[in-house]
Protein backbone atom coordinates (compact mmCIF):
# COMPACT_ATOMS: atom_id res chain seq x y z
CA MET A 1 27.43 6.91 -81.05
CA SER A 2 25.71 7.83 -78.03
CA ASN A 3 27.11 6.98 -74.77
CA THR A 4 23.99 6.91 -73.03
CA ARG A 5 23.09 3.73 -70.99
CA ALA A 6 19.74 2.06 -70.84
CA ARG A 7 18.51 2.68 -67.32
CA LYS A 8 18.27 -0.48 -64.93
CA PRO A 9 14.47 -1.36 -63.93
CA GLY A 10 14.05 0.39 -60.58
CA GLY A 11 16.92 2.57 -61.06
CA GLY A 12 16.61 6.29 -60.35
CA ARG A 13 17.35 8.79 -57.70
CA LYS A 14 17.77 7.42 -54.22
CA PRO A 15 15.46 9.09 -51.65
CA SER A 16 17.75 12.01 -50.04
CA LYS A 17 16.18 10.91 -46.94
CA PRO A 18 15.70 7.08 -46.64
CA GLU A 19 14.81 7.15 -42.92
CA TYR A 20 12.01 9.35 -43.31
CA SER A 21 8.49 7.80 -43.09
CA ALA A 22 5.75 9.82 -43.93
CA SER A 23 3.54 7.49 -41.62
CA LYS A 24 5.73 7.81 -38.71
CA ASN A 25 5.87 11.70 -39.12
CA LEU A 26 2.15 11.66 -39.07
CA ALA A 27 2.19 9.60 -36.08
CA GLN A 28 4.37 11.95 -34.52
CA GLN A 29 2.30 15.05 -35.37
CA MET A 30 -0.71 13.14 -33.90
CA LYS A 31 1.13 12.48 -30.40
CA ALA A 32 2.04 16.08 -30.35
CA ALA A 33 -1.41 17.37 -31.09
CA ALA A 34 -2.94 14.71 -28.62
CA ASP A 35 -0.44 15.72 -25.75
CA LEU A 36 -1.32 19.59 -26.17
CA TYR A 37 -4.99 18.76 -26.42
CA THR A 38 -5.12 17.30 -23.07
CA ASN A 39 -3.82 20.32 -21.58
CA LYS A 40 -7.23 21.84 -22.51
CA MET A 41 -5.74 24.01 -25.24
CA SER A 42 -7.96 25.35 -28.28
CA LEU A 43 -7.40 23.81 -31.76
CA GLN A 44 -6.24 27.27 -32.84
CA ALA A 45 -3.82 27.24 -29.96
CA ILE A 46 -2.37 23.97 -31.00
CA ALA A 47 -2.40 24.79 -34.46
CA ASP A 48 -0.22 27.72 -33.76
CA ALA A 49 2.08 25.84 -31.34
CA LEU A 50 2.67 22.94 -34.10
CA SER A 51 2.27 25.35 -37.48
CA PHE A 52 -0.69 23.34 -38.58
CA ASN A 53 -4.13 24.57 -39.61
CA PRO A 54 -6.77 23.89 -37.07
CA ILE A 55 -8.63 21.37 -39.40
CA LYS A 56 -5.51 19.03 -39.48
CA VAL A 57 -5.13 19.41 -35.85
CA ARG A 58 -8.71 18.18 -35.26
CA LYS A 59 -8.22 15.43 -37.88
CA LEU A 60 -5.16 14.13 -36.02
CA LEU A 61 -7.12 14.49 -32.78
CA ILE A 62 -9.94 12.40 -34.09
CA THR A 63 -7.32 9.89 -35.23
CA ALA A 64 -5.94 9.72 -31.84
CA GLY A 65 -9.39 9.06 -30.48
CA VAL A 66 -9.25 12.05 -28.28
CA TYR A 67 -11.60 14.60 -29.94
CA GLU A 68 -15.47 14.49 -29.91
CA SER A 69 -18.16 17.01 -31.15
CA ASP A 70 -21.63 16.31 -32.24
CA THR A 71 -20.59 17.07 -35.95
CA ALA A 72 -17.88 14.40 -35.38
CA LYS A 73 -20.11 11.79 -34.28
CA LEU A 74 -22.72 12.61 -36.74
CA VAL A 75 -20.31 12.76 -39.89
CA GLN A 76 -18.49 9.31 -38.53
CA GLN A 77 -21.79 7.52 -37.91
CA THR A 78 -23.24 8.30 -41.18
CA PHE A 79 -19.86 7.50 -42.89
CA CYS A 80 -19.78 4.32 -41.04
CA SER A 81 -23.07 3.15 -42.29
CA PHE A 82 -22.25 3.75 -45.81
CA ARG A 83 -18.88 2.20 -45.45
CA SER A 84 -20.23 -1.39 -44.46
CA THR A 85 -21.34 -1.80 -48.11
CA GLN A 86 -19.25 0.52 -49.98
CA SER A 87 -15.80 1.62 -50.62
CA TYR A 88 -14.10 4.50 -48.73
CA SER A 89 -14.41 6.83 -51.46
CA ALA A 90 -18.09 5.84 -52.16
CA ALA A 91 -19.25 6.31 -48.45
CA VAL A 92 -17.56 9.90 -48.45
CA THR A 93 -19.59 10.60 -51.37
CA SER A 94 -22.81 9.12 -49.78
CA THR A 95 -21.90 11.00 -46.76
CA MET A 96 -21.58 14.27 -48.40
CA SER A 97 -24.95 13.88 -50.17
CA ALA A 98 -26.83 12.79 -46.96
CA LEU A 99 -25.46 15.52 -44.88
CA GLN A 100 -25.06 18.40 -47.53
CA LEU A 101 -21.26 18.79 -46.75
CA SER A 102 -18.28 19.29 -49.02
CA ARG A 103 -15.55 16.37 -49.50
CA PRO A 104 -13.25 18.21 -47.36
CA SER A 105 -15.61 19.01 -44.55
CA VAL A 106 -16.74 15.12 -44.39
CA THR A 107 -12.95 13.86 -44.60
CA SER A 108 -11.81 16.42 -41.85
CA TYR A 109 -13.96 14.77 -39.42
CA LEU A 110 -12.74 11.16 -40.28
CA PRO A 111 -9.64 9.58 -38.86
CA TYR A 112 -6.37 9.14 -41.02
CA GLU A 113 -7.12 5.67 -42.85
CA LYS A 114 -3.66 4.82 -44.31
CA GLY A 115 -0.20 4.83 -43.38
CA VAL A 116 -0.65 5.96 -39.67
CA TYR A 117 1.13 3.94 -36.90
CA LEU A 118 -1.61 4.34 -34.52
CA PRO A 119 -0.65 3.75 -30.90
CA GLU A 120 -3.69 1.04 -31.07
CA GLU A 121 -1.46 -0.58 -33.62
CA ALA A 122 1.73 -1.08 -31.35
CA ASP A 123 2.94 -4.39 -30.70
CA ALA A 124 1.28 -5.22 -27.07
CA ALA A 125 4.93 -6.58 -26.07
CA ASN A 126 6.22 -3.03 -26.39
CA ILE A 127 3.68 -1.09 -24.21
CA SER A 128 3.16 -1.48 -20.38
CA THR A 129 0.32 -3.55 -18.82
CA GLY A 130 -1.34 -0.19 -18.07
CA ALA A 131 -1.36 1.20 -21.51
CA GLU A 132 -2.56 -1.95 -22.94
CA ARG A 133 -5.30 -1.92 -20.46
CA GLN A 134 -6.10 1.61 -21.42
CA ARG A 135 -5.58 0.78 -24.94
CA HIS A 136 -8.56 -2.01 -24.65
CA TYR A 137 -10.77 0.34 -22.79
CA ARG A 138 -10.60 2.99 -25.31
CA ALA A 139 -11.26 0.72 -28.19
CA VAL A 140 -14.41 -0.83 -26.41
CA VAL A 141 -15.81 2.22 -25.48
CA ALA A 142 -15.46 3.71 -29.03
CA LEU A 143 -17.11 0.77 -30.33
CA LYS A 144 -19.88 0.61 -27.90
CA LYS A 145 -20.54 4.38 -28.68
CA ASP A 146 -20.53 3.92 -32.39
CA PRO A 147 -20.74 0.10 -33.56
CA CYS A 148 -19.51 0.12 -36.82
CA GLU A 149 -16.99 -1.84 -39.07
CA VAL A 150 -14.44 0.99 -38.91
CA ASN A 151 -14.36 0.62 -34.91
CA LEU A 152 -14.61 -3.03 -35.01
CA TRP A 153 -11.67 -3.18 -36.75
CA LYS A 154 -9.74 -0.91 -34.42
CA CYS A 155 -11.00 -2.89 -31.61
CA VAL A 156 -9.44 -5.86 -33.46
CA VAL A 157 -6.17 -4.34 -33.98
CA ALA A 158 -5.96 -3.10 -30.24
CA PHE A 159 -6.40 -6.73 -28.88
CA GLN A 160 -3.60 -8.55 -30.95
CA GLY A 161 -2.31 -10.86 -28.43
CA TYR A 162 -4.94 -10.55 -25.60
CA ARG A 163 -5.66 -13.82 -24.15
CA PHE A 164 -9.69 -14.64 -24.99
CA LYS A 165 -11.51 -17.82 -24.26
CA THR A 166 -14.22 -19.79 -26.45
CA MET A 167 -17.48 -20.64 -24.93
CA SER A 168 -15.85 -23.99 -23.53
CA GLY A 169 -13.08 -22.18 -21.92
CA LEU A 170 -10.42 -22.92 -24.27
CA PRO A 171 -7.89 -20.17 -24.41
CA PHE A 172 -6.66 -18.53 -27.95
CA THR A 173 -4.86 -15.47 -28.97
CA TYR A 174 -4.54 -14.07 -32.55
CA THR A 175 -2.18 -11.64 -34.68
CA LEU A 176 -2.19 -9.74 -37.53
CA LYS A 177 0.41 -9.44 -40.08
CA LYS A 178 1.31 -6.55 -42.49
CA GLY A 179 1.24 -6.59 -46.29
CA ARG A 180 2.25 -3.79 -48.64
CA GLY A 181 2.54 -0.28 -47.16
CA ASP A 182 3.25 -1.55 -43.83
CA GLU A 183 -0.66 -1.89 -43.44
CA PHE A 184 -2.51 -4.92 -41.54
CA THR A 185 -4.12 -7.30 -43.86
CA LYS A 186 -7.46 -8.08 -43.11
CA GLU A 187 -7.13 -11.78 -41.85
CA LEU A 188 -6.48 -13.15 -38.24
CA TRP A 189 -4.07 -15.84 -37.16
CA ILE A 190 -5.84 -17.68 -34.44
CA ASP A 191 -3.12 -19.25 -32.09
CA ARG A 192 -4.59 -22.34 -30.34
CA ARG A 193 -0.81 -23.34 -29.01
CA GLU A 194 -0.96 -26.56 -31.30
CA ASP A 195 -1.47 -24.80 -34.57
CA SER A 196 -2.21 -21.37 -36.07
CA LYS A 197 -5.09 -21.09 -38.32
CA SER A 198 -6.69 -17.92 -40.19
CA LEU A 199 -9.91 -16.26 -39.56
CA ALA A 200 -10.99 -14.11 -42.42
CA TRP A 201 -12.34 -10.55 -41.66
CA SER A 202 -15.31 -11.21 -43.98
CA SER A 203 -16.33 -13.92 -41.55
CA VAL A 204 -15.89 -11.44 -38.54
CA MET A 205 -18.33 -9.11 -40.49
CA LEU A 206 -20.66 -11.86 -41.18
CA ALA A 207 -21.12 -12.51 -37.67
CA TYR A 208 -21.28 -9.06 -36.85
CA HIS A 209 -24.21 -8.50 -39.12
CA ASN A 210 -25.87 -11.46 -37.34
CA ILE A 211 -26.13 -9.49 -33.93
CA GLY A 212 -29.63 -8.67 -33.39
CA LYS A 213 -29.11 -5.89 -30.99
CA ILE A 214 -25.73 -4.71 -29.35
CA GLY A 215 -25.18 -6.16 -25.74
CA GLU A 216 -27.80 -8.65 -26.20
CA VAL A 217 -27.44 -12.16 -24.53
CA VAL A 218 -26.36 -14.78 -27.32
CA ASP A 219 -26.48 -18.24 -25.85
CA ARG A 220 -24.19 -19.84 -28.28
CA PRO A 221 -21.67 -19.26 -31.06
CA LYS A 222 -24.01 -20.86 -33.74
CA ALA A 223 -26.28 -17.94 -33.12
CA LEU A 224 -24.21 -15.73 -34.93
CA GLY A 225 -24.19 -18.00 -38.00
CA ASP A 226 -22.84 -21.20 -39.46
CA ILE A 227 -19.64 -19.48 -39.67
CA ARG A 228 -16.00 -21.00 -39.95
CA GLY A 229 -14.28 -19.95 -36.84
CA VAL A 230 -17.34 -18.46 -35.13
CA SER A 231 -16.37 -19.89 -31.78
CA TYR A 232 -13.42 -17.52 -31.90
CA ILE A 233 -15.67 -14.66 -32.95
CA TYR A 234 -18.04 -15.50 -30.03
CA GLY A 235 -15.39 -14.88 -27.62
CA MET A 236 -14.00 -11.73 -29.10
CA PHE A 237 -17.47 -10.21 -29.50
CA TYR A 238 -18.24 -10.72 -25.77
CA ARG A 239 -14.95 -8.99 -24.88
CA PHE A 240 -15.55 -6.18 -27.25
CA GLY A 241 -18.98 -5.63 -25.62
CA LEU A 242 -20.97 -6.35 -28.80
CA ILE A 243 -22.59 -9.48 -27.30
CA ASN A 244 -23.40 -10.63 -23.72
CA VAL A 245 -23.38 -14.60 -22.89
CA PRO A 246 -25.24 -16.38 -19.99
CA ASP A 247 -24.03 -16.55 -16.79
CA LYS A 248 -22.98 -20.19 -16.66
CA VAL A 249 -20.88 -19.16 -19.87
CA LYS A 250 -19.05 -16.11 -18.28
CA GLU A 251 -17.63 -18.38 -15.79
CA LYS A 252 -15.75 -20.49 -18.32
CA MET A 253 -14.80 -17.27 -20.51
CA GLY A 254 -13.06 -15.66 -17.48
CA VAL A 255 -15.43 -12.72 -17.06
CA LYS A 256 -13.22 -11.73 -13.89
CA GLY A 257 -10.27 -11.13 -16.18
CA HIS A 258 -11.76 -8.56 -18.36
């Protein structure tokens, strides 16, 4: 008679380093690369210092938002145009075809998508006011330079807890919740003091696609579409620099606080 026991579901070897997190490790690598890059070191020099290859260094720097080049901009813009209607993998394939590049070449110019604790995702309560303003500034500049779904989402992540105002001057903030894999779910939880209500990312994207021209004056929220929660989206888009608003509305929305 065998003495072997049936293994319990979920059993097996425990991780040898339970405190190890691939995403946290990647974030540390990104910070190390960005710190060296600000000292004007070349990609090869940074790669040598960190024992990485230059391509990984470039991808880390792109994710950190500190590396720019004509090729990187072209790849990212092309990818973003496909990504608005395609899955991540399909958008990469379409970009490969459009630019006649290999898959590794395309992905090397795109930021890491999953499992990275970006500085932009740090809780606003855990960073200084100066760092928070810098984070907002970087996110808005990136979105204005390259308006696309990826950069819009980064803006949304960066502005968690920021005090926006609706067209009528009512203040609101929003938070994001994390799901499996410690990634933010695509749903904004609007806090209007008395209660919280959810705002779907699909609604934000509907309004985004209804913007005629970036930076154009939009006289009222409904001009962005008959969308649930559009009064909040209107306030967010104004702060993000996607739309402008009439002068009389700016006073109520607290333009000086920007």
